[in-house]
Amino acid sequence: MDWVVLIASGMMESVWAIALGKSDGFAHPGPTVVFVGALVLSMAGLAFATKTLPVGTAYAVWVGIGAALTVVYGMVTGSEPANLARIALIVGLVGCVVGLKLVGGEG
């Protein structure tokens, strides 16, 4: 259960990061509300996961998921360049996150 919550909170990290960009410095209320809600859910999920998972592992997984999804969103929407090298690096990042789960032995 802790890993499921951690993965979901990593996804929420991506949501709040994207919403932060769309809020234009908190000038737009809709994205600002999404940012605050996703931030609270993301942090609460990370806090829950660190009750049973090592903080370093949980944080690395949380950041990795959030970063990868945020960059992929940017590539899909055209706000970030997409090329083979960037895609390979994102795949490598995701592979490292999966690797942390596979070799961790906890949870």
PDB file of N, CA and C in Angstrom:
ATOM      1  N   MET A   1       0.820  -1.201   0.000  1.00  0.00           N
ATOM      2  CA  MET A   1       0.000   0.000   0.000  1.00  0.00           C
ATOM      3  C   MET A   1       0.864   1.266   0.000  1.00  0.00           C
ATOM      4  N   ASP A   2       1.991   1.219   0.727  1.00  0.00           N
ATOM      5  CA  ASP A   2       2.858   2.384   0.791  1.00  0.00           C
ATOM      6  C   ASP A   2       3.414   2.758  -0.586  1.00  0.00           C
ATOM      7  N   TRP A   3       3.755   1.752  -1.391  1.00  0.00           N
ATOM      8  CA  TRP A   3       4.269   2.033  -2.737  1.00  0.00           C
ATOM      9  C   TRP A   3       3.186   2.617  -3.637  1.00  0.00           C
ATOM     10  N   VAL A   4       1.966   2.142  -3.520  1.00  0.00           N
ATOM     11  CA  VAL A   4       0.853   2.673  -4.321  1.00  0.00           C
ATOM     12  C   VAL A   4       0.635   4.144  -3.976  1.00  0.00           C
ATOM     13  N   VAL A   5       0.622   4.451  -2.694  1.00  0.00           N
ATOM     14  CA  VAL A   5       0.444   5.835  -2.249  1.00  0.00           C
ATOM     15  C   VAL A   5       1.616   6.692  -2.725  1.00  0.00           C
ATOM     16  N   LEU A   6       2.825   6.168  -2.646  1.00  0.00           N
ATOM     17  CA  LEU A   6       3.997   6.914  -3.095  1.00  0.00           C
ATOM     18  C   LEU A   6       3.928   7.218  -4.588  1.00  0.00           C
ATOM     19  N   ILE A   7       3.537   6.252  -5.376  1.00  0.00           N
ATOM     20  CA  ILE A   7       3.419   6.466  -6.829  1.00  0.00           C
ATOM     21  C   ILE A   7       2.341   7.507  -7.123  1.00  0.00           C
ATOM     22  N   ALA A   8       1.201   7.399  -6.445  1.00  0.00           N
ATOM     23  CA  ALA A   8       0.126   8.377  -6.635  1.00  0.00           C
ATOM     24  C   ALA A   8       0.583   9.777  -6.221  1.00  0.00           C
ATOM     25  N   SER A   9       1.337   9.868  -5.128  1.00  0.00           N
ATOM     26  CA  SER A   9       1.796  11.187  -4.694  1.00  0.00           C
ATOM     27  C   SER A   9       2.848  11.744  -5.651  1.00  0.00           C
ATOM     28  N   GLY A  10       3.640  10.881  -6.280  1.00  0.00           N
ATOM     29  CA  GLY A  10       4.561  11.329  -7.326  1.00  0.00           C
ATOM     30  C   GLY A  10       3.818  11.867  -8.529  1.00  0.00           C
ATOM     31  N   MET A  11       2.705  11.241  -8.857  1.00  0.00           N
ATOM     32  CA  MET A  11       1.868  11.739  -9.957  1.00  0.00           C
ATOM     33  C   MET A  11       1.269  13.102  -9.589  1.00  0.00           C
ATOM     34  N   MET A  12       0.886  13.253  -8.328  1.00  0.00           N
ATOM     35  CA  MET A  12       0.355  14.539  -7.871  1.00  0.00           C
ATOM     36  C   MET A  12       1.433  15.619  -7.899  1.00  0.00           C
ATOM     37  N   GLU A  13       2.693  15.217  -7.718  1.00  0.00           N
ATOM     38  CA  GLU A  13       3.779  16.196  -7.834  1.00  0.00           C
ATOM     39  C   GLU A  13       3.805  16.776  -9.241  1.00  0.00           C
ATOM     40  N   SER A  14       3.613  15.926 -10.226  1.00  0.00           N
ATOM     41  CA  SER A  14       3.571  16.396 -11.601  1.00  0.00           C
ATOM     42  C   SER A  14       2.385  17.332 -11.819  1.00  0.00           C
ATOM     43  N   VAL A  15       1.245  16.983 -11.245  1.00  0.00           N
ATOM     44  CA  VAL A  15       0.045  17.835 -11.385  1.00  0.00           C
ATOM     45  C   VAL A  15       0.316  19.216 -10.802  1.00  0.00           C
ATOM     46  N   TRP A  16       0.888  19.257  -9.581  1.00  0.00           N
ATOM     47  CA  TRP A  16       1.105  20.585  -8.999  1.00  0.00           C
ATOM     48  C   TRP A  16       2.172  21.373  -9.740  1.00  0.00           C
ATOM     49  N   ALA A  17       3.179  20.700 -10.274  1.00  0.00           N
ATOM     50  CA  ALA A  17       4.215  21.407 -11.032  1.00  0.00           C
ATOM     51  C   ALA A  17       3.634  22.017 -12.308  1.00  0.00           C
ATOM     52  N   ILE A  18       2.796  21.265 -12.995  1.00  0.00           N
ATOM     53  CA  ILE A  18       2.160  21.771 -14.220  1.00  0.00           C
ATOM     54  C   ILE A  18       1.205  22.906 -13.886  1.00  0.00           C
ATOM     55  N   ALA A  19       0.417  22.726 -12.823  1.00  0.00           N
ATOM     56  CA  ALA A  19      -0.526  23.770 -12.413  1.00  0.00           C
ATOM     57  C   ALA A  19       0.211  25.040 -11.993  1.00  0.00           C
ATOM     58  N   LEU A  20       1.358  24.884 -11.347  1.00  0.00           N
ATOM     59  CA  LEU A  20       2.151  26.044 -10.945  1.00  0.00           C
ATOM     60  C   LEU A  20       2.548  26.865 -12.164  1.00  0.00           C
ATOM     61  N   GLY A  21       2.989  26.193 -13.209  1.00  0.00           N
ATOM     62  CA  GLY A  21       3.346  26.890 -14.438  1.00  0.00           C
ATOM     63  C   GLY A  21       2.154  27.598 -15.072  1.00  0.00           C
ATOM     64  N   LYS A  22       1.001  26.947 -15.040  1.00  0.00           N
ATOM     65  CA  LYS A  22      -0.200  27.521 -15.645  1.00  0.00           C
ATOM     66  C   LYS A  22      -0.802  28.638 -14.797  1.00  0.00           C
ATOM     67  N   SER A  23      -0.436  28.710 -13.512  1.00  0.00           N
ATOM     68  CA  SER A  23      -1.005  29.743 -12.640  1.00  0.00           C
ATOM     69  C   SER A  23      -0.429  31.127 -12.933  1.00  0.00           C
ATOM     70  N   ASP A  24       0.683  31.177 -13.659  1.00  0.00           N
ATOM     71  CA  ASP A  24       1.332  32.441 -14.018  1.00  0.00           C
ATOM     72  C   ASP A  24       1.606  33.280 -12.774  1.00  0.00           C
ATOM     73  N   GLY A  25       2.341  32.685 -11.841  1.00  0.00           N
ATOM     74  CA  GLY A  25       2.680  33.392 -10.612  1.00  0.00           C
ATOM     75  C   GLY A  25       1.475  33.595  -9.703  1.00  0.00           C
ATOM     76  N   PHE A  26       0.577  32.643  -9.700  1.00  0.00           N
ATOM     77  CA  PHE A  26      -0.668  32.656  -8.905  1.00  0.00           C
ATOM     78  C   PHE A  26      -1.653  33.731  -9.368  1.00  0.00           C
ATOM     79  N   ALA A  27      -1.512  34.185 -10.617  1.00  0.00           N
ATOM     80  CA  ALA A  27      -2.421  35.197 -11.158  1.00  0.00           C
ATOM     81  C   ALA A  27      -3.741  34.599 -11.633  1.00  0.00           C
ATOM     82  N   HIS A  28      -3.765  33.305 -11.924  1.00  0.00           N
ATOM     83  CA  HIS A  28      -4.977  32.636 -12.397  1.00  0.00           C
ATOM     84  C   HIS A  28      -5.505  31.727 -11.297  1.00  0.00           C
ATOM     85  N   PRO A  29      -6.726  31.984 -10.826  1.00  0.00           N
ATOM     86  CA  PRO A  29      -7.228  31.237  -9.666  1.00  0.00           C
ATOM     87  C   PRO A  29      -7.433  29.744  -9.906  1.00  0.00           C
ATOM     88  N   GLY A  30      -7.893  29.335 -11.065  1.00  0.00           N
ATOM     89  CA  GLY A  30      -8.144  27.910 -11.327  1.00  0.00           C
ATOM     90  C   GLY A  30      -6.898  27.062 -11.154  1.00  0.00           C
ATOM     91  N   PRO A  31      -5.843  27.356 -11.908  1.00  0.00           N
ATOM     92  CA  PRO A  31      -4.614  26.582 -11.740  1.00  0.00           C
ATOM     93  C   PRO A  31      -4.003  26.729 -10.339  1.00  0.00           C
ATOM     94  N   THR A  32      -4.211  27.866  -9.700  1.00  0.00           N
ATOM     95  CA  THR A  32      -3.689  28.051  -8.343  1.00  0.00           C
ATOM     96  C   THR A  32      -4.370  27.110  -7.364  1.00  0.00           C
ATOM     97  N   VAL A  33      -5.682  26.943  -7.498  1.00  0.00           N
ATOM     98  CA  VAL A  33      -6.420  26.010  -6.634  1.00  0.00           C
ATOM     99  C   VAL A  33      -5.965  24.580  -6.898  1.00  0.00           C
ATOM    100  N   VAL A  34      -5.779  24.220  -8.165  1.00  0.00           N
ATOM    101  CA  VAL A  34      -5.291  22.880  -8.506  1.00  0.00           C
ATOM    102  C   VAL A  34      -3.899  22.682  -7.916  1.00  0.00           C
ATOM    103  N   PHE A  35      -3.048  23.693  -8.025  1.00  0.00           N
ATOM    104  CA  PHE A  35      -1.701  23.622  -7.462  1.00  0.00           C
ATOM    105  C   PHE A  35      -1.752  23.320  -5.963  1.00  0.00           C
ATOM    106  N   VAL A  36      -2.534  24.087  -5.216  1.00  0.00           N
ATOM    107  CA  VAL A  36      -2.590  23.914  -3.758  1.00  0.00           C
ATOM    108  C   VAL A  36      -3.142  22.533  -3.401  1.00  0.00           C
ATOM    109  N   GLY A  37      -4.224  22.113  -4.053  1.00  0.00           N
ATOM    110  CA  GLY A  37      -4.804  20.801  -3.761  1.00  0.00           C
ATOM    111  C   GLY A  37      -3.853  19.661  -4.070  1.00  0.00           C
ATOM    112  N   ALA A  38      -3.217  19.726  -5.232  1.00  0.00           N
ATOM    113  CA  ALA A  38      -2.283  18.664  -5.619  1.00  0.00           C
ATOM    114  C   ALA A  38      -1.044  18.673  -4.726  1.00  0.00           C
ATOM    115  N   LEU A  39      -0.604  19.852  -4.326  1.00  0.00           N
ATOM    116  CA  LEU A  39       0.554  19.948  -3.436  1.00  0.00           C
ATOM    117  C   LEU A  39       0.260  19.290  -2.092  1.00  0.00           C
ATOM    118  N   VAL A  40      -0.907  19.575  -1.527  1.00  0.00           N
ATOM    119  CA  VAL A  40      -1.278  18.974  -0.244  1.00  0.00           C
ATOM    120  C   VAL A  40      -1.368  17.450  -0.369  1.00  0.00           C
ATOM    121  N   LEU A  41      -2.030  16.955  -1.426  1.00  0.00           N
ATOM    122  CA  LEU A  41      -2.149  15.505  -1.622  1.00  0.00           C
ATOM    123  C   LEU A  41      -0.780  14.862  -1.836  1.00  0.00           C
ATOM    124  N   SER A  42       0.062  15.515  -2.611  1.00  0.00           N
ATOM    125  CA  SER A  42       1.378  14.977  -2.900  1.00  0.00           C
ATOM    126  C   SER A  42       2.234  14.871  -1.637  1.00  0.00           C
ATOM    127  N   MET A  43       2.243  15.937  -0.857  1.00  0.00           N
ATOM    128  CA  MET A  43       3.036  15.931   0.380  1.00  0.00           C
ATOM    129  C   MET A  43       2.474  14.944   1.405  1.00  0.00           C
ATOM    130  N   ALA A  44       1.162  14.867   1.494  1.00  0.00           N
ATOM    131  CA  ALA A  44       0.542  13.921   2.433  1.00  0.00           C
ATOM    132  C   ALA A  44       0.880  12.482   2.041  1.00  0.00           C
ATOM    133  N   GLY A  45       0.862  12.184   0.754  1.00  0.00           N
ATOM    134  CA  GLY A  45       1.215  10.842   0.293  1.00  0.00           C
ATOM    135  C   GLY A  45       2.669  10.518   0.553  1.00  0.00           C
ATOM    136  N   LEU A  46       3.543  11.486   0.329  1.00  0.00           N
ATOM    137  CA  LEU A  46       4.964  11.270   0.607  1.00  0.00           C
ATOM    138  C   LEU A  46       5.179  11.037   2.102  1.00  0.00           C
ATOM    139  N   ALA A  47       4.514  11.820   2.931  1.00  0.00           N
ATOM    140  CA  ALA A  47       4.637  11.654   4.382  1.00  0.00           C
ATOM    141  C   ALA A  47       4.145  10.275   4.818  1.00  0.00           C
ATOM    142  N   PHE A  48       3.029   9.830   4.246  1.00  0.00           N
ATOM    143  CA  PHE A  48       2.497   8.500   4.562  1.00  0.00           C
ATOM    144  C   PHE A  48       3.498   7.417   4.183  1.00  0.00           C
ATOM    145  N   ALA A  49       4.064   7.533   2.986  1.00  0.00           N
ATOM    146  CA  ALA A  49       4.979   6.505   2.485  1.00  0.00           C
ATOM    147  C   ALA A  49       6.251   6.428   3.326  1.00  0.00           C
ATOM    148  N   THR A  50       6.691   7.560   3.868  1.00  0.00           N
ATOM    149  CA  THR A  50       7.935   7.541   4.644  1.00  0.00           C
ATOM    150  C   THR A  50       7.754   6.939   6.035  1.00  0.00           C
ATOM    151  N   LYS A  51       6.531   6.576   6.382  1.00  0.00           N
ATOM    152  CA  LYS A  51       6.330   5.849   7.642  1.00  0.00           C
ATOM    153  C   LYS A  51       6.934   4.452   7.559  1.00  0.00           C
ATOM    154  N   THR A  52       6.940   3.861   6.353  1.00  0.00           N
ATOM    155  CA  THR A  52       7.437   2.494   6.199  1.00  0.00           C
ATOM    156  C   THR A  52       8.615   2.378   5.227  1.00  0.00           C
ATOM    157  N   LEU A  53       8.795   3.348   4.371  1.00  0.00           N
ATOM    158  CA  LEU A  53       9.900   3.318   3.399  1.00  0.00           C
ATOM    159  C   LEU A  53      11.001   4.270   3.846  1.00  0.00           C
ATOM    160  N   PRO A  54      12.248   3.960   3.526  1.00  0.00           N
ATOM    161  CA  PRO A  54      13.317   4.902   3.835  1.00  0.00           C
ATOM    162  C   PRO A  54      13.082   6.242   3.142  1.00  0.00           C
ATOM    163  N   VAL A  55      13.356   7.322   3.845  1.00  0.00           N
ATOM    164  CA  VAL A  55      13.091   8.658   3.304  1.00  0.00           C
ATOM    165  C   VAL A  55      13.822   8.884   1.988  1.00  0.00           C
ATOM    166  N   GLY A  56      15.077   8.483   1.909  1.00  0.00           N
ATOM    167  CA  GLY A  56      15.844   8.701   0.681  1.00  0.00           C
ATOM    168  C   GLY A  56      15.245   7.996  -0.518  1.00  0.00           C
ATOM    169  N   THR A  57      14.854   6.757  -0.330  1.00  0.00           N
ATOM    170  CA  THR A  57      14.235   5.991  -1.413  1.00  0.00           C
ATOM    171  C   THR A  57      12.902   6.601  -1.800  1.00  0.00           C
ATOM    172  N   ALA A  58      12.070   6.894  -0.802  1.00  0.00           N
ATOM    173  CA  ALA A  58      10.747   7.467  -1.072  1.00  0.00           C
ATOM    174  C   ALA A  58      10.879   8.797  -1.802  1.00  0.00           C
ATOM    175  N   TYR A  59      11.786   9.638  -1.342  1.00  0.00           N
ATOM    176  CA  TYR A  59      11.960  10.953  -1.968  1.00  0.00           C
ATOM    177  C   TYR A  59      12.458  10.816  -3.403  1.00  0.00           C
ATOM    178  N   ALA A  60      13.412   9.942  -3.634  1.00  0.00           N
ATOM    179  CA  ALA A  60      13.941   9.746  -4.987  1.00  0.00           C
ATOM    180  C   ALA A  60      12.861   9.246  -5.937  1.00  0.00           C
ATOM    181  N   VAL A  61      12.042   8.310  -5.469  1.00  0.00           N
ATOM    182  CA  VAL A  61      10.952   7.786  -6.299  1.00  0.00           C
ATOM    183  C   VAL A  61       9.933   8.882  -6.567  1.00  0.00           C
ATOM    184  N   TRP A  62       9.564   9.625  -5.543  1.00  0.00           N
ATOM    185  CA  TRP A  62       8.577  10.709  -5.655  1.00  0.00           C
ATOM    186  C   TRP A  62       9.035  11.760  -6.661  1.00  0.00           C
ATOM    187  N   VAL A  63      10.276  12.208  -6.514  1.00  0.00           N
ATOM    188  CA  VAL A  63      10.821  13.214  -7.424  1.00  0.00           C
ATOM    189  C   VAL A  63      10.952  12.656  -8.840  1.00  0.00           C
ATOM    190  N   GLY A  64      11.430  11.424  -8.956  1.00  0.00           N
ATOM    191  CA  GLY A  64      11.610  10.822 -10.275  1.00  0.00           C
ATOM    192  C   GLY A  64      10.311  10.704 -11.046  1.00  0.00           C
ATOM    193  N   ILE A  65       9.265  10.240 -10.369  1.00  0.00           N
ATOM    194  CA  ILE A  65       7.960  10.123 -11.024  1.00  0.00           C
ATOM    195  C   ILE A  65       7.454  11.492 -11.431  1.00  0.00           C
ATOM    196  N   GLY A  66       7.515  12.439 -10.502  1.00  0.00           N
ATOM    197  CA  GLY A  66       7.028  13.787 -10.796  1.00  0.00           C
ATOM    198  C   GLY A  66       7.790  14.445 -11.929  1.00  0.00           C
ATOM    199  N   ALA A  67       9.102  14.342 -11.897  1.00  0.00           N
ATOM    200  CA  ALA A  67       9.921  14.956 -12.942  1.00  0.00           C
ATOM    201  C   ALA A  67       9.660  14.314 -14.303  1.00  0.00           C
ATOM    202  N   ALA A  68       9.625  12.991 -14.338  1.00  0.00           N
ATOM    203  CA  ALA A  68       9.417  12.295 -15.608  1.00  0.00           C
ATOM    204  C   ALA A  68       8.063  12.653 -16.212  1.00  0.00           C
ATOM    205  N   LEU A  69       7.011  12.612 -15.409  1.00  0.00           N
ATOM    206  CA  LEU A  69       5.680  12.923 -15.937  1.00  0.00           C
ATOM    207  C   LEU A  69       5.562  14.377 -16.366  1.00  0.00           C
ATOM    208  N   THR A  70       6.202  15.275 -15.628  1.00  0.00           N
ATOM    209  CA  THR A  70       6.145  16.695 -15.992  1.00  0.00           C
ATOM    210  C   THR A  70       6.854  16.943 -17.322  1.00  0.00           C
ATOM    211  N   VAL A  71       7.999  16.321 -17.533  1.00  0.00           N
ATOM    212  CA  VAL A  71       8.718  16.482 -18.796  1.00  0.00           C
ATOM    213  C   VAL A  71       7.941  15.835 -19.943  1.00  0.00           C
ATOM    214  N   VAL A  72       7.391  14.652 -19.704  1.00  0.00           N
ATOM    215  CA  VAL A  72       6.594  13.988 -20.752  1.00  0.00           C
ATOM    216  C   VAL A  72       5.393  14.852 -21.124  1.00  0.00           C
ATOM    217  N   TYR A  73       4.726  15.424 -20.139  1.00  0.00           N
ATOM    218  CA  TYR A  73       3.599  16.329 -20.418  1.00  0.00           C
ATOM    219  C   TYR A  73       4.067  17.493 -21.299  1.00  0.00           C
ATOM    220  N   GLY A  74       5.212  18.067 -20.955  1.00  0.00           N
ATOM    221  CA  GLY A  74       5.746  19.159 -21.757  1.00  0.00           C
ATOM    222  C   GLY A  74       6.058  18.739 -23.183  1.00  0.00           C
ATOM    223  N   MET A  75       6.587  17.535 -23.343  1.00  0.00           N
ATOM    224  CA  MET A  75       6.883  17.036 -24.685  1.00  0.00           C
ATOM    225  C   MET A  75       5.599  16.808 -25.483  1.00  0.00           C
ATOM    226  N   VAL A  76       4.596  16.233 -24.827  1.00  0.00           N
ATOM    227  CA  VAL A  76       3.328  15.944 -25.515  1.00  0.00           C
ATOM    228  C   VAL A  76       2.621  17.231 -25.930  1.00  0.00           C
ATOM    229  N   THR A  77       2.672  18.248 -25.069  1.00  0.00           N
ATOM    230  CA  THR A  77       1.978  19.506 -25.375  1.00  0.00           C
ATOM    231  C   THR A  77       2.801  20.442 -26.246  1.00  0.00           C
ATOM    232  N   GLY A  78       4.069  20.114 -26.455  1.00  0.00           N
ATOM    233  CA  GLY A  78       4.916  20.935 -27.305  1.00  0.00           C
ATOM    234  C   GLY A  78       5.632  22.061 -26.578  1.00  0.00           C
ATOM    235  N   SER A  79       5.488  22.144 -25.264  1.00  0.00           N
ATOM    236  CA  SER A  79       6.175  23.204 -24.533  1.00  0.00           C
ATOM    237  C   SER A  79       7.619  22.828 -24.194  1.00  0.00           C
ATOM    238  N   GLU A  80       7.982  21.568 -24.407  1.00  0.00           N
ATOM    239  CA  GLU A  80       9.356  21.095 -24.210  1.00  0.00           C
ATOM    240  C   GLU A  80       9.778  20.350 -25.472  1.00  0.00           C
ATOM    241  N   PRO A  81      11.039  20.479 -25.845  1.00  0.00           N
ATOM    242  CA  PRO A  81      11.487  19.747 -27.034  1.00  0.00           C
ATOM    243  C   PRO A  81      11.500  18.239 -26.778  1.00  0.00           C
ATOM    244  N   ALA A  82      11.146  17.513 -27.797  1.00  0.00           N
ATOM    245  CA  ALA A  82      11.178  16.043 -27.720  1.00  0.00           C
ATOM    246  C   ALA A  82      12.163  15.534 -28.764  1.00  0.00           C
ATOM    247  N   ASN A  83      13.155  14.818 -28.300  1.00  0.00           N
ATOM    248  CA  ASN A  83      14.085  14.187 -29.226  1.00  0.00           C
ATOM    249  C   ASN A  83      14.522  12.860 -28.609  1.00  0.00           C
ATOM    250  N   LEU A  84      15.210  12.075 -29.381  1.00  0.00           N
ATOM    251  CA  LEU A  84      15.579  10.727 -28.953  1.00  0.00           C
ATOM    252  C   LEU A  84      16.421  10.739 -27.670  1.00  0.00           C
ATOM    253  N   ALA A  85      17.348  11.670 -27.568  1.00  0.00           N
ATOM    254  CA  ALA A  85      18.200  11.723 -26.376  1.00  0.00           C
ATOM    255  C   ALA A  85      17.378  12.035 -25.124  1.00  0.00           C
ATOM    256  N   ARG A  86      16.481  12.997 -25.204  1.00  0.00           N
ATOM    257  CA  ARG A  86      15.649  13.358 -24.045  1.00  0.00           C
ATOM    258  C   ARG A  86      14.736  12.200 -23.655  1.00  0.00           C
ATOM    259  N   ILE A  87      14.167  11.543 -24.645  1.00  0.00           N
ATOM    260  CA  ILE A  87      13.293  10.399 -24.364  1.00  0.00           C
ATOM    261  C   ILE A  87      14.088   9.274 -23.707  1.00  0.00           C
ATOM    262  N   ALA A  88      15.284   9.009 -24.208  1.00  0.00           N
ATOM    263  CA  ALA A  88      16.130   7.965 -23.614  1.00  0.00           C
ATOM    264  C   ALA A  88      16.495   8.308 -22.170  1.00  0.00           C
ATOM    265  N   LEU A  89      16.755   9.570 -21.886  1.00  0.00           N
ATOM    266  CA  LEU A  89      17.077   9.976 -20.522  1.00  0.00           C
ATOM    267  C   LEU A  89      15.877   9.823 -19.584  1.00  0.00           C
ATOM    268  N   ILE A  90      14.692  10.130 -20.067  1.00  0.00           N
ATOM    269  CA  ILE A  90      13.482   9.938 -19.251  1.00  0.00           C
ATOM    270  C   ILE A  90      13.267   8.444 -18.992  1.00  0.00           C
ATOM    271  N   VAL A  91      13.468   7.621 -19.998  1.00  0.00           N
ATOM    272  CA  VAL A  91      13.353   6.165 -19.809  1.00  0.00           C
ATOM    273  C   VAL A  91      14.382   5.697 -18.780  1.00  0.00           C
ATOM    274  N   GLY A  92      15.589   6.232 -18.841  1.00  0.00           N
ATOM    275  CA  GLY A  92      16.605   5.893 -17.851  1.00  0.00           C
ATOM    276  C   GLY A  92      16.211   6.313 -16.450  1.00  0.00           C
ATOM    277  N   LEU A  93      15.615   7.488 -16.320  1.00  0.00           N
ATOM    278  CA  LEU A  93      15.143   7.964 -15.021  1.00  0.00           C
ATOM    279  C   LEU A  93      14.080   7.035 -14.460  1.00  0.00           C
ATOM    280  N   VAL A  94      13.129   6.670 -15.283  1.00  0.00           N
ATOM    281  CA  VAL A  94      12.074   5.748 -14.849  1.00  0.00           C
ATOM    282  C   VAL A  94      12.686   4.393 -14.485  1.00  0.00           C
ATOM    283  N   GLY A  95      13.663   3.942 -15.254  1.00  0.00           N
ATOM    284  CA  GLY A  95      14.342   2.687 -14.940  1.00  0.00           C
ATOM    285  C   GLY A  95      15.034   2.738 -13.586  1.00  0.00           C
ATOM    286  N   CYS A  96      15.625   3.859 -13.260  1.00  0.00           N
ATOM    287  CA  CYS A  96      16.265   4.020 -11.949  1.00  0.00           C
ATOM    288  C   CYS A  96      15.240   3.985 -10.825  1.00  0.00           C
ATOM    289  N   VAL A  97      14.099   4.603 -11.031  1.00  0.00           N
ATOM    290  CA  VAL A  97      13.026   4.586 -10.028  1.00  0.00           C
ATOM    291  C   VAL A  97      12.544   3.158  -9.807  1.00  0.00           C
ATOM    292  N   VAL A  98      12.308   2.430 -10.879  1.00  0.00           N
ATOM    293  CA  VAL A  98      11.892   1.032 -10.771  1.00  0.00           C
ATOM    294  C   VAL A  98      12.984   0.225 -10.084  1.00  0.00           C
ATOM    295  N   GLY A  99      14.217   0.492 -10.411  1.00  0.00           N
ATOM    296  CA  GLY A  99      15.343  -0.204  -9.796  1.00  0.00           C
ATOM    297  C   GLY A  99      15.385  -0.013  -8.290  1.00  0.00           C
ATOM    298  N   LEU A 100      15.073   1.171  -7.810  1.00  0.00           N
ATOM    299  CA  LEU A 100      15.042   1.418  -6.370  1.00  0.00           C
ATOM    300  C   LEU A 100      14.024   0.513  -5.680  1.00  0.00           C
ATOM    301  N   LYS A 101      12.900   0.297  -6.328  1.00  0.00           N
ATOM    302  CA  LYS A 101      11.884  -0.603  -5.771  1.00  0.00           C
ATOM    303  C   LYS A 101      12.380  -2.052  -5.787  1.00  0.00           C
ATOM    304  N   LEU A 102      12.999  -2.442  -6.882  1.00  0.00           N
ATOM    305  CA  LEU A 102      13.408  -3.840  -7.035  1.00  0.00           C
ATOM    306  C   LEU A 102      14.543  -4.237  -6.094  1.00  0.00           C
ATOM    307  N   VAL A 103      15.462  -3.330  -5.824  1.00  0.00           N
ATOM    308  CA  VAL A 103      16.595  -3.692  -4.984  1.00  0.00           C
ATOM    309  C   VAL A 103      16.417  -3.274  -3.530  1.00  0.00           C
ATOM    310  N   GLY A 104      15.341  -2.547  -3.241  1.00  0.00           N
ATOM    311  CA  GLY A 104      15.148  -2.019  -1.892  1.00  0.00           C
ATOM    312  C   GLY A 104      14.882  -3.062  -0.851  1.00  0.00           C
ATOM    313  N   GLY A 105      14.054  -4.028  -1.151  1.00  0.00           N
ATOM    314  CA  GLY A 105      13.741  -5.082  -0.212  1.00  0.00           C
ATOM    315  C   GLY A 105      12.827  -4.678   0.925  1.00  0.00           C
ATOM    316  N   GLU A 106      12.347  -3.432   0.945  1.00  0.00           N
ATOM    317  CA  GLU A 106      11.420  -3.019   1.984  1.00  0.00           C
ATOM    318  C   GLU A 106      10.029  -2.847   1.414  1.00  0.00           C
ATOM    319  N   GLY A 107       9.053  -2.709   2.266  1.00  0.00           N
ATOM    320  CA  GLY A 107       7.664  -2.468   1.842  1.00  0.00           C
ATOM    321  C   GLY A 107       7.126  -3.662   1.201  1.00  0.00           C
TER     322      GLY A 107
END
